[in-house]
Protein backbone atom coordinates (compact mmCIF):
# COMPACT_ATOMS: atom_id res chain seq x y z
CA MET A 1 24.54 49.06 -13.43
CA ILE A 2 24.88 45.88 -15.43
CA GLU A 3 26.46 46.19 -18.88
CA GLY A 4 26.93 43.52 -21.50
CA HIS A 5 26.49 39.75 -21.45
CA VAL A 6 26.90 39.25 -17.68
CA PRO A 7 25.87 35.77 -16.45
CA VAL A 8 22.82 35.74 -14.16
CA SER A 9 24.83 33.86 -11.53
CA GLU A 10 27.18 36.85 -11.19
CA ILE A 11 24.27 39.30 -10.95
CA ASN A 12 22.76 37.15 -8.19
CA ARG A 13 26.15 36.99 -6.47
CA LEU A 14 26.43 40.80 -6.62
CA LEU A 15 22.96 41.18 -5.10
CA SER A 16 23.76 38.63 -2.39
CA GLU A 17 27.23 39.90 -1.44
CA LYS A 18 26.35 43.61 -1.77
CA PRO A 19 29.91 44.88 -2.26
CA ASN A 20 30.52 48.63 -2.28
CA ALA A 21 30.37 48.66 -6.08
CA ILE A 22 28.46 50.42 -8.83
CA GLY A 23 28.12 47.56 -11.28
CA LEU A 24 29.30 44.68 -13.41
CA ALA A 25 30.30 44.50 -17.06
CA VAL A 26 31.48 42.09 -19.71
CA ALA A 27 33.36 43.69 -22.61
CA GLY A 28 32.33 42.83 -26.13
CA MET A 29 30.18 39.91 -27.14
CA PRO A 30 32.29 36.83 -26.33
CA ILE A 31 31.04 33.56 -27.77
CA GLY A 32 29.66 31.45 -24.95
CA SER A 33 28.49 34.37 -22.82
CA PRO A 34 24.73 34.59 -22.11
CA GLY A 35 22.90 35.14 -25.37
CA MET A 36 26.02 34.43 -27.41
CA GLU A 37 26.05 30.64 -27.20
CA THR A 38 26.84 29.11 -30.61
CA ALA A 39 26.36 25.41 -31.31
CA GLY A 40 29.56 23.70 -32.38
CA VAL A 41 31.77 26.68 -31.45
CA ALA A 42 33.99 26.61 -28.37
CA PRO A 43 33.32 29.37 -25.81
CA GLU A 44 35.78 32.26 -25.68
CA PRO A 45 37.34 33.18 -22.35
CA TYR A 46 36.07 36.41 -20.79
CA ASN A 47 36.06 38.29 -17.50
CA VAL A 48 33.22 39.85 -15.55
CA ILE A 49 34.51 43.17 -14.22
CA LEU A 50 33.32 44.77 -10.96
CA PHE A 51 33.40 48.60 -10.88
CA PHE A 52 33.78 50.69 -7.73
CA PRO A 53 32.66 54.28 -7.01
CA ASP A 54 36.27 55.54 -6.99
CA GLY A 55 36.75 54.36 -10.59
CA SER A 56 38.77 51.28 -9.74
CA GLN A 57 37.84 47.84 -10.97
CA GLN A 58 38.63 44.19 -10.44
CA VAL A 59 37.92 40.87 -12.08
CA TYR A 60 34.82 39.50 -10.34
CA ALA A 61 34.69 36.21 -12.29
CA SER A 62 36.40 34.53 -15.22
CA TYR A 63 34.80 32.25 -17.80
CA PRO A 64 35.28 29.48 -19.01
């Protein structure tokens, strides 16, 4: 599953690496994430979270 404003590069990475995971998510709607770019406004930092079948999770990528 993919939930939220996850960058395409991280989706491609997930498909390439094929970790034993169930999906990726970005919480909220951080400015600067895909679809949330705003001219003249600095991007907000956010994490892409990787979820595993056992319920655990880890930061898969951090932006900016």
